[in-house]
């Protein structure tokens, strides 16, 4: 019996210390910007304040660039209703921006201004060009349904989550 209790305590301690998927602290954040059909449960923020928020809170930014007329963008929208993506989004400053309405997103077009594209940005405001869709030779920041967006989000978090705002 004592052995069972000690084993359970060990499991609880190991589980509690796991860095693999720590839960965010505090209540879930809610959107302050329109989802444009990209996951209504995601805490989307407007582009104009997102980089400052990321720096202040030490959170990476996930920028989804799209356009209202784009067929591939419309095909990608349901992927953002995935439960894992919704959960991971709580640990990012999430921005979706229409490239036609907000041409300033063109500064986050590392290999072209195609859409949709997903760019991960460090809390310091620098695009992490190594976080790209490994399945693509061209248009490396293009994602479509079936691509591992959640996997890339986890990779971005492993590099950039909760860095000190002053670093």
Foldseek 3Di string as FASTA:
>chain_A
DVVVVVVVVVVVVCVVPDPQDDADDDDQAAAPDDCLLQARLANAYEPVCFLVVLLQQQAKEKEWEAANVDPQVVQARVVNNDPLNSRLSSRHHYYYYYCVVPVVCVVVQPQDDDDGFIWMAASNGHTDVVLFQPVDPHRGRYDGPPGPPSVSSSVSCVPGTRDHSVD
